[in-house]
PDB file of N, CA and C in Angstrom:
ATOM      1  N   MET A   1     -22.640  -3.082 -45.121  1.00  0.00           N
ATOM      2  CA  MET A   1     -21.660  -2.200 -44.512  1.00  0.00           C
ATOM      3  C   MET A   1     -22.116  -0.748 -44.554  1.00  0.00           C
ATOM      4  N   ASN A   2     -22.794  -0.346 -45.629  1.00  0.00           N
ATOM      5  CA  ASN A   2     -23.259   1.030 -45.732  1.00  0.00           C
ATOM      6  C   ASN A   2     -24.259   1.381 -44.641  1.00  0.00           C
ATOM      7  N   GLY A   3     -25.122   0.429 -44.287  1.00  0.00           N
ATOM      8  CA  GLY A   3     -26.107   0.673 -43.230  1.00  0.00           C
ATOM      9  C   GLY A   3     -25.441   0.924 -41.884  1.00  0.00           C
ATOM     10  N   TYR A   4     -24.420   0.146 -41.578  1.00  0.00           N
ATOM     11  CA  TYR A   4     -23.702   0.316 -40.320  1.00  0.00           C
ATOM     12  C   TYR A   4     -22.966   1.656 -40.294  1.00  0.00           C
ATOM     13  N   ARG A   5     -22.344   2.002 -41.402  1.00  0.00           N
ATOM     14  CA  ARG A   5     -21.620   3.282 -41.495  1.00  0.00           C
ATOM     15  C   ARG A   5     -22.585   4.454 -41.346  1.00  0.00           C
ATOM     16  N   SER A   6     -23.737   4.327 -41.947  1.00  0.00           N
ATOM     17  CA  SER A   6     -24.755   5.373 -41.852  1.00  0.00           C
ATOM     18  C   SER A   6     -25.222   5.529 -40.403  1.00  0.00           C
ATOM     19  N   LYS A   7     -25.399   4.406 -39.711  1.00  0.00           N
ATOM     20  CA  LYS A   7     -25.797   4.432 -38.299  1.00  0.00           C
ATOM     21  C   LYS A   7     -24.725   5.132 -37.459  1.00  0.00           C
ATOM     22  N   GLN A   8     -23.465   4.806 -37.697  1.00  0.00           N
ATOM     23  CA  GLN A   8     -22.367   5.442 -36.951  1.00  0.00           C
ATOM     24  C   GLN A   8     -22.332   6.946 -37.202  1.00  0.00           C
ATOM     25  N   GLU A   9     -22.506   7.334 -38.433  1.00  0.00           N
ATOM     26  CA  GLU A   9     -22.482   8.758 -38.781  1.00  0.00           C
ATOM     27  C   GLU A   9     -23.649   9.496 -38.124  1.00  0.00           C
ATOM     28  N   THR A  10     -24.809   8.876 -38.121  1.00  0.00           N
ATOM     29  CA  THR A  10     -25.974   9.483 -37.476  1.00  0.00           C
ATOM     30  C   THR A  10     -25.738   9.650 -35.988  1.00  0.00           C
ATOM     31  N   GLU A  11     -25.208   8.635 -35.327  1.00  0.00           N
ATOM     32  CA  GLU A  11     -24.923   8.718 -33.897  1.00  0.00           C
ATOM     33  C   GLU A  11     -23.880   9.797 -33.602  1.00  0.00           C
ATOM     34  N   PHE A  12     -22.874   9.904 -34.462  1.00  0.00           N
ATOM     35  CA  PHE A  12     -21.840  10.924 -34.305  1.00  0.00           C
ATOM     36  C   PHE A  12     -22.449  12.323 -34.389  1.00  0.00           C
ATOM     37  N   LYS A  13     -23.275  12.550 -35.404  1.00  0.00           N
ATOM     38  CA  LYS A  13     -23.907  13.863 -35.579  1.00  0.00           C
ATOM     39  C   LYS A  13     -24.862  14.171 -34.438  1.00  0.00           C
ATOM     40  N   GLU A  14     -25.630  13.199 -33.985  1.00  0.00           N
ATOM     41  CA  GLU A  14     -26.549  13.418 -32.875  1.00  0.00           C
ATOM     42  C   GLU A  14     -25.798  13.808 -31.606  1.00  0.00           C
ATOM     43  N   SER A  15     -24.647  13.200 -31.397  1.00  0.00           N
ATOM     44  CA  SER A  15     -23.823  13.534 -30.238  1.00  0.00           C
ATOM     45  C   SER A  15     -23.386  14.999 -30.289  1.00  0.00           C
ATOM     46  N   TRP A  16     -22.952  15.436 -31.459  1.00  0.00           N
ATOM     47  CA  TRP A  16     -22.537  16.838 -31.604  1.00  0.00           C
ATOM     48  C   TRP A  16     -23.727  17.787 -31.515  1.00  0.00           C
ATOM     49  N   GLU A  17     -24.886  17.368 -31.990  1.00  0.00           N
ATOM     50  CA  GLU A  17     -26.080  18.197 -31.877  1.00  0.00           C
ATOM     51  C   GLU A  17     -26.446  18.383 -30.397  1.00  0.00           C
ATOM     52  N   ARG A  18     -26.328  17.321 -29.603  1.00  0.00           N
ATOM     53  CA  ARG A  18     -26.594  17.431 -28.161  1.00  0.00           C
ATOM     54  C   ARG A  18     -25.608  18.386 -27.512  1.00  0.00           C
ATOM     55  N   THR A  19     -24.347  18.291 -27.901  1.00  0.00           N
ATOM     56  CA  THR A  19     -23.333  19.200 -27.373  1.00  0.00           C
ATOM     57  C   THR A  19     -23.676  20.637 -27.710  1.00  0.00           C
ATOM     58  N   ARG A  20     -24.130  20.865 -28.928  1.00  0.00           N
ATOM     59  CA  ARG A  20     -24.488  22.211 -29.355  1.00  0.00           C
ATOM     60  C   ARG A  20     -25.646  22.765 -28.515  1.00  0.00           C
ATOM     61  N   VAL A  21     -26.622  21.928 -28.212  1.00  0.00           N
ATOM     62  CA  VAL A  21     -27.750  22.371 -27.389  1.00  0.00           C
ATOM     63  C   VAL A  21     -27.272  22.731 -25.991  1.00  0.00           C
ATOM     64  N   ILE A  22     -26.389  21.935 -25.433  1.00  0.00           N
ATOM     65  CA  ILE A  22     -25.856  22.221 -24.097  1.00  0.00           C
ATOM     66  C   ILE A  22     -25.130  23.566 -24.097  1.00  0.00           C
ATOM     67  N   VAL A  23     -24.335  23.817 -25.115  1.00  0.00           N
ATOM     68  CA  VAL A  23     -23.617  25.090 -25.222  1.00  0.00           C
ATOM     69  C   VAL A  23     -24.608  26.246 -25.330  1.00  0.00           C
ATOM     70  N   ALA A  24     -25.599  26.114 -26.197  1.00  0.00           N
ATOM     71  CA  ALA A  24     -26.575  27.189 -26.401  1.00  0.00           C
ATOM     72  C   ALA A  24     -27.361  27.476 -25.127  1.00  0.00           C
ATOM     73  N   VAL A  25     -27.806  26.441 -24.444  1.00  0.00           N
ATOM     74  CA  VAL A  25     -28.567  26.615 -23.212  1.00  0.00           C
ATOM     75  C   VAL A  25     -27.686  27.226 -22.121  1.00  0.00           C
ATOM     76  N   SER A  26     -26.432  26.836 -22.077  1.00  0.00           N
ATOM     77  CA  SER A  26     -25.509  27.390 -21.082  1.00  0.00           C
ATOM     78  C   SER A  26     -25.237  28.873 -21.313  1.00  0.00           C
ATOM     79  N   LEU A  27     -25.279  29.293 -22.566  1.00  0.00           N
ATOM     80  CA  LEU A  27     -25.015  30.695 -22.894  1.00  0.00           C
ATOM     81  C   LEU A  27     -26.231  31.600 -22.726  1.00  0.00           C
ATOM     82  N   MET A  28     -27.416  31.037 -22.687  1.00  0.00           N
ATOM     83  CA  MET A  28     -28.637  31.842 -22.636  1.00  0.00           C
ATOM     84  C   MET A  28     -28.638  32.922 -21.556  1.00  0.00           C
ATOM     85  N   PRO A  29     -28.282  32.606 -20.331  1.00  0.00           N
ATOM     86  CA  PRO A  29     -28.353  33.653 -19.306  1.00  0.00           C
ATOM     87  C   PRO A  29     -27.349  34.788 -19.539  1.00  0.00           C
ATOM     88  N   HIS A  30     -26.367  34.569 -20.374  1.00  0.00           N
ATOM     89  CA  HIS A  30     -25.331  35.567 -20.614  1.00  0.00           C
ATOM     90  C   HIS A  30     -25.582  36.410 -21.864  1.00  0.00           C
ATOM     91  N   LEU A  31     -26.601  36.064 -22.638  1.00  0.00           N
ATOM     92  CA  LEU A  31     -26.882  36.794 -23.869  1.00  0.00           C
ATOM     93  C   LEU A  31     -27.647  38.094 -23.621  1.00  0.00           C
ATOM     94  N   GLY A  32     -28.286  38.211 -22.503  1.00  0.00           N
ATOM     95  CA  GLY A  32     -29.064  39.408 -22.220  1.00  0.00           C
ATOM     96  C   GLY A  32     -30.517  39.193 -22.581  1.00  0.00           C
ATOM     97  N   LYS A  33     -31.361  39.967 -21.932  1.00  0.00           N
ATOM     98  CA  LYS A  33     -32.801  39.829 -22.144  1.00  0.00           C
ATOM     99  C   LYS A  33     -33.185  40.232 -23.556  1.00  0.00           C
ATOM    100  N   GLY A  34     -34.086  39.460 -24.127  1.00  0.00           N
ATOM    101  CA  GLY A  34     -34.594  39.765 -25.447  1.00  0.00           C
ATOM    102  C   GLY A  34     -33.635  39.476 -26.588  1.00  0.00           C
ATOM    103  N   LYS A  35     -32.445  39.059 -26.277  1.00  0.00           N
ATOM    104  CA  LYS A  35     -31.475  38.747 -27.330  1.00  0.00           C
ATOM    105  C   LYS A  35     -31.376  37.239 -27.468  1.00  0.00           C
ATOM    106  N   SER A  36     -31.743  36.770 -28.621  1.00  0.00           N
ATOM    107  CA  SER A  36     -31.586  35.346 -28.877  1.00  0.00           C
ATOM    108  C   SER A  36     -30.877  35.187 -30.212  1.00  0.00           C
ATOM    109  N   ARG A  37     -30.177  34.114 -30.319  1.00  0.00           N
ATOM    110  CA  ARG A  37     -29.440  33.835 -31.556  1.00  0.00           C
ATOM    111  C   ARG A  37     -29.783  32.419 -31.986  1.00  0.00           C
ATOM    112  N   ALA A  38     -29.733  32.209 -33.259  1.00  0.00           N
ATOM    113  CA  ALA A  38     -29.971  30.861 -33.781  1.00  0.00           C
ATOM    114  C   ALA A  38     -28.875  29.941 -33.267  1.00  0.00           C
ATOM    115  N   ILE A  39     -29.278  28.747 -32.918  1.00  0.00           N
ATOM    116  CA  ILE A  39     -28.330  27.778 -32.371  1.00  0.00           C
ATOM    117  C   ILE A  39     -27.202  27.494 -33.370  1.00  0.00           C
ATOM    118  N   THR A  40     -27.510  27.590 -34.650  1.00  0.00           N
ATOM    119  CA  THR A  40     -26.492  27.346 -35.667  1.00  0.00           C
ATOM    120  C   THR A  40     -25.490  28.491 -35.760  1.00  0.00           C
ATOM    121  N   LYS A  41     -25.866  29.664 -35.276  1.00  0.00           N
ATOM    122  CA  LYS A  41     -24.936  30.798 -35.260  1.00  0.00           C
ATOM    123  C   LYS A  41     -24.025  30.725 -34.032  1.00  0.00           C
ATOM    124  N   ILE A  42     -24.586  30.239 -32.924  1.00  0.00           N
ATOM    125  CA  ILE A  42     -23.813  30.128 -31.690  1.00  0.00           C
ATOM    126  C   ILE A  42     -22.752  29.037 -31.820  1.00  0.00           C
ATOM    127  N   TYR A  43     -23.146  27.912 -32.371  1.00  0.00           N
ATOM    128  CA  TYR A  43     -22.256  26.746 -32.446  1.00  0.00           C
ATOM    129  C   TYR A  43     -22.450  26.062 -33.799  1.00  0.00           C
ATOM    130  N   PRO A  44     -21.838  26.582 -34.830  1.00  0.00           N
ATOM    131  CA  PRO A  44     -22.007  25.986 -36.163  1.00  0.00           C
ATOM    132  C   PRO A  44     -21.305  24.629 -36.275  1.00  0.00           C
ATOM    133  N   LEU A  45     -21.922  23.752 -37.027  1.00  0.00           N
ATOM    134  CA  LEU A  45     -21.342  22.442 -37.295  1.00  0.00           C
ATOM    135  C   LEU A  45     -21.176  22.284 -38.800  1.00  0.00           C
ATOM    136  N   PRO A  46     -20.224  21.454 -39.220  1.00  0.00           N
ATOM    137  CA  PRO A  46     -19.913  21.346 -40.648  1.00  0.00           C
ATOM    138  C   PRO A  46     -21.099  20.946 -41.525  1.00  0.00           C
ATOM    139  N   TRP A  47     -22.035  20.188 -41.008  1.00  0.00           N
ATOM    140  CA  TRP A  47     -23.141  19.700 -41.820  1.00  0.00           C
ATOM    141  C   TRP A  47     -24.360  20.613 -41.788  1.00  0.00           C
ATOM    142  N   ASP A  48     -24.275  21.755 -41.153  1.00  0.00           N
ATOM    143  CA  ASP A  48     -25.410  22.678 -41.116  1.00  0.00           C
ATOM    144  C   ASP A  48     -25.858  23.098 -42.509  1.00  0.00           C
ATOM    145  N   ASP A  49     -24.942  23.284 -43.429  1.00  0.00           N
ATOM    146  CA  ASP A  49     -25.297  23.683 -44.791  1.00  0.00           C
ATOM    147  C   ASP A  49     -26.115  22.608 -45.495  1.00  0.00           C
ATOM    148  N   GLU A  50     -25.897  21.370 -45.111  1.00  0.00           N
ATOM    149  CA  GLU A  50     -26.645  20.272 -45.724  1.00  0.00           C
ATOM    150  C   GLU A  50     -28.117  20.337 -45.372  1.00  0.00           C
ATOM    151  N   LYS A  51     -28.425  20.807 -44.160  1.00  0.00           N
ATOM    152  CA  LYS A  51     -29.786  20.784 -43.656  1.00  0.00           C
ATOM    153  C   LYS A  51     -30.496  22.122 -43.771  1.00  0.00           C
ATOM    154  N   GLY A  52     -29.763  23.161 -43.939  1.00  0.00           N
ATOM    155  CA  GLY A  52     -30.354  24.492 -43.938  1.00  0.00           C
ATOM    156  C   GLY A  52     -29.881  25.249 -42.719  1.00  0.00           C
ATOM    157  N   ALA A  53     -29.830  26.534 -42.800  1.00  0.00           N
ATOM    158  CA  ALA A  53     -29.238  27.369 -41.753  1.00  0.00           C
ATOM    159  C   ALA A  53     -29.994  27.316 -40.435  1.00  0.00           C
ATOM    160  N   GLU A  54     -31.283  27.146 -40.479  1.00  0.00           N
ATOM    161  CA  GLU A  54     -32.060  27.198 -39.233  1.00  0.00           C
ATOM    162  C   GLU A  54     -32.464  25.813 -38.726  1.00  0.00           C
ATOM    163  N   TYR A  55     -31.781  24.772 -39.150  1.00  0.00           N
ATOM    164  CA  TYR A  55     -32.133  23.416 -38.737  1.00  0.00           C
ATOM    165  C   TYR A  55     -31.877  23.201 -37.260  1.00  0.00           C
ATOM    166  N   ALA A  56     -32.820  22.637 -36.589  1.00  0.00           N
ATOM    167  CA  ALA A  56     -32.644  22.143 -35.224  1.00  0.00           C
ATOM    168  C   ALA A  56     -33.704  21.065 -35.019  1.00  0.00           C
ATOM    169  N   PRO A  57     -33.314  19.871 -34.639  1.00  0.00           N
ATOM    170  CA  PRO A  57     -34.304  18.823 -34.430  1.00  0.00           C
ATOM    171  C   PRO A  57     -35.349  19.237 -33.401  1.00  0.00           C
ATOM    172  N   ILE A  58     -36.513  18.652 -33.487  1.00  0.00           N
ATOM    173  CA  ILE A  58     -37.637  19.016 -32.618  1.00  0.00           C
ATOM    174  C   ILE A  58     -37.254  18.903 -31.155  1.00  0.00           C
ATOM    175  N   GLU A  59     -36.554  17.839 -30.762  1.00  0.00           N
ATOM    176  CA  GLU A  59     -36.197  17.671 -29.354  1.00  0.00           C
ATOM    177  C   GLU A  59     -35.242  18.773 -28.887  1.00  0.00           C
ATOM    178  N   HIS A  60     -34.415  19.280 -29.764  1.00  0.00           N
ATOM    179  CA  HIS A  60     -33.509  20.368 -29.410  1.00  0.00           C
ATOM    180  C   HIS A  60     -34.298  21.660 -29.234  1.00  0.00           C
ATOM    181  N   LYS A  61     -35.234  21.901 -30.113  1.00  0.00           N
ATOM    182  CA  LYS A  61     -36.077  23.092 -29.986  1.00  0.00           C
ATOM    183  C   LYS A  61     -36.845  23.038 -28.671  1.00  0.00           C
ATOM    184  N   LYS A  62     -37.329  21.861 -28.323  1.00  0.00           N
ATOM    185  CA  LYS A  62     -38.062  21.694 -27.070  1.00  0.00           C
ATOM    186  C   LYS A  62     -37.145  21.983 -25.874  1.00  0.00           C
ATOM    187  N   ALA A  63     -35.930  21.492 -25.908  1.00  0.00           N
ATOM    188  CA  ALA A  63     -34.980  21.725 -24.817  1.00  0.00           C
ATOM    189  C   ALA A  63     -34.663  23.206 -24.675  1.00  0.00           C
ATOM    190  N   VAL A  64     -34.518  23.896 -25.784  1.00  0.00           N
ATOM    191  CA  VAL A  64     -34.226  25.330 -25.746  1.00  0.00           C
ATOM    192  C   VAL A  64     -35.415  26.083 -25.162  1.00  0.00           C
ATOM    193  N   LYS A  65     -36.624  25.745 -25.573  1.00  0.00           N
ATOM    194  CA  LYS A  65     -37.820  26.405 -25.036  1.00  0.00           C
ATOM    195  C   LYS A  65     -37.959  26.160 -23.533  1.00  0.00           C
ATOM    196  N   GLU A  66     -37.679  24.939 -23.099  1.00  0.00           N
ATOM    197  CA  GLU A  66     -37.743  24.627 -21.673  1.00  0.00           C
ATOM    198  C   GLU A  66     -36.714  25.443 -20.894  1.00  0.00           C
ATOM    199  N   ALA A  67     -35.528  25.575 -21.436  1.00  0.00           N
ATOM    200  CA  ALA A  67     -34.488  26.364 -20.765  1.00  0.00           C
ATOM    201  C   ALA A  67     -34.879  27.835 -20.704  1.00  0.00           C
ATOM    202  N   GLU A  68     -35.455  28.353 -21.783  1.00  0.00           N
ATOM    203  CA  GLU A  68     -35.890  29.746 -21.789  1.00  0.00           C
ATOM    204  C   GLU A  68     -36.948  29.992 -20.726  1.00  0.00           C
ATOM    205  N   SER A  69     -37.924  29.073 -20.622  1.00  0.00           N
ATOM    206  CA  SER A  69     -38.973  29.250 -19.622  1.00  0.00           C
ATOM    207  C   SER A  69     -38.401  29.137 -18.207  1.00  0.00           C
ATOM    208  N   LEU A  70     -37.425  28.277 -18.012  1.00  0.00           N
ATOM    209  CA  LEU A  70     -36.783  28.154 -16.704  1.00  0.00           C
ATOM    210  C   LEU A  70     -36.095  29.460 -16.322  1.00  0.00           C
ATOM    211  N   TRP A  71     -35.346  30.041 -17.264  1.00  0.00           N
ATOM    212  CA  TRP A  71     -34.650  31.295 -16.971  1.00  0.00           C
ATOM    213  C   TRP A  71     -35.630  32.445 -16.771  1.00  0.00           C
ATOM    214  N   GLN A  72     -36.755  32.422 -17.455  1.00  0.00           N
ATOM    215  CA  GLN A  72     -37.770  33.455 -17.239  1.00  0.00           C
ATOM    216  C   GLN A  72     -38.332  33.352 -15.822  1.00  0.00           C
ATOM    217  N   LYS A  73     -38.576  32.136 -15.357  1.00  0.00           N
ATOM    218  CA  LYS A  73     -39.068  31.936 -13.988  1.00  0.00           C
ATOM    219  C   LYS A  73     -38.037  32.424 -12.976  1.00  0.00           C
ATOM    220  N   ILE A  74     -36.776  32.116 -13.232  1.00  0.00           N
ATOM    221  CA  ILE A  74     -35.713  32.565 -12.327  1.00  0.00           C
ATOM    222  C   ILE A  74     -35.634  34.084 -12.314  1.00  0.00           C
ATOM    223  N   ASP A  75     -35.746  34.696 -13.490  1.00  0.00           N
ATOM    224  CA  ASP A  75     -35.737  36.162 -13.574  1.00  0.00           C
ATOM    225  C   ASP A  75     -36.883  36.771 -12.784  1.00  0.00           C
ATOM    226  N   GLN A  76     -38.066  36.170 -12.886  1.00  0.00           N
ATOM    227  CA  GLN A  76     -39.223  36.685 -12.162  1.00  0.00           C
ATOM    228  C   GLN A  76     -39.025  36.572 -10.656  1.00  0.00           C
ATOM    229  N   LYS A  77     -38.444  35.482 -10.195  1.00  0.00           N
ATOM    230  CA  LYS A  77     -38.202  35.300  -8.764  1.00  0.00           C
ATOM    231  C   LYS A  77     -37.169  36.286  -8.239  1.00  0.00           C
ATOM    232  N   THR A  78     -36.151  36.591  -9.039  1.00  0.00           N
ATOM    233  CA  THR A  78     -35.116  37.500  -8.577  1.00  0.00           C
ATOM    234  C   THR A  78     -35.576  38.947  -8.578  1.00  0.00           C
ATOM    235  N   LYS A  79     -36.610  39.272  -9.345  1.00  0.00           N
ATOM    236  CA  LYS A  79     -37.149  40.625  -9.373  1.00  0.00           C
ATOM    237  C   LYS A  79     -37.957  40.922  -8.108  1.00  0.00           C
ATOM    238  N   GLN A  80     -38.484  39.907  -7.487  1.00  0.00           N
ATOM    239  CA  GLN A  80     -39.342  40.106  -6.304  1.00  0.00           C
ATOM    240  C   GLN A  80     -38.550  40.411  -5.074  1.00  0.00           C
TER     241      GLN A  80
END
């Protein structure tokens, strides 16, 4: 039973982590150039203290970097 409960808890947390990434990426264009904030500051979750303040899974970091590069490309196109 503990294994199943652990699986459910992991899936629950992963779902909220995905939500947090969506929120952070959605806010990026509104933060202003050169201003970035830690994802845990933008959308804190109760278990952040368990993992450390700057925790973000690798796939989330990758998604944030991809979004940043996308917005940089858009910024460059709008300047022309």
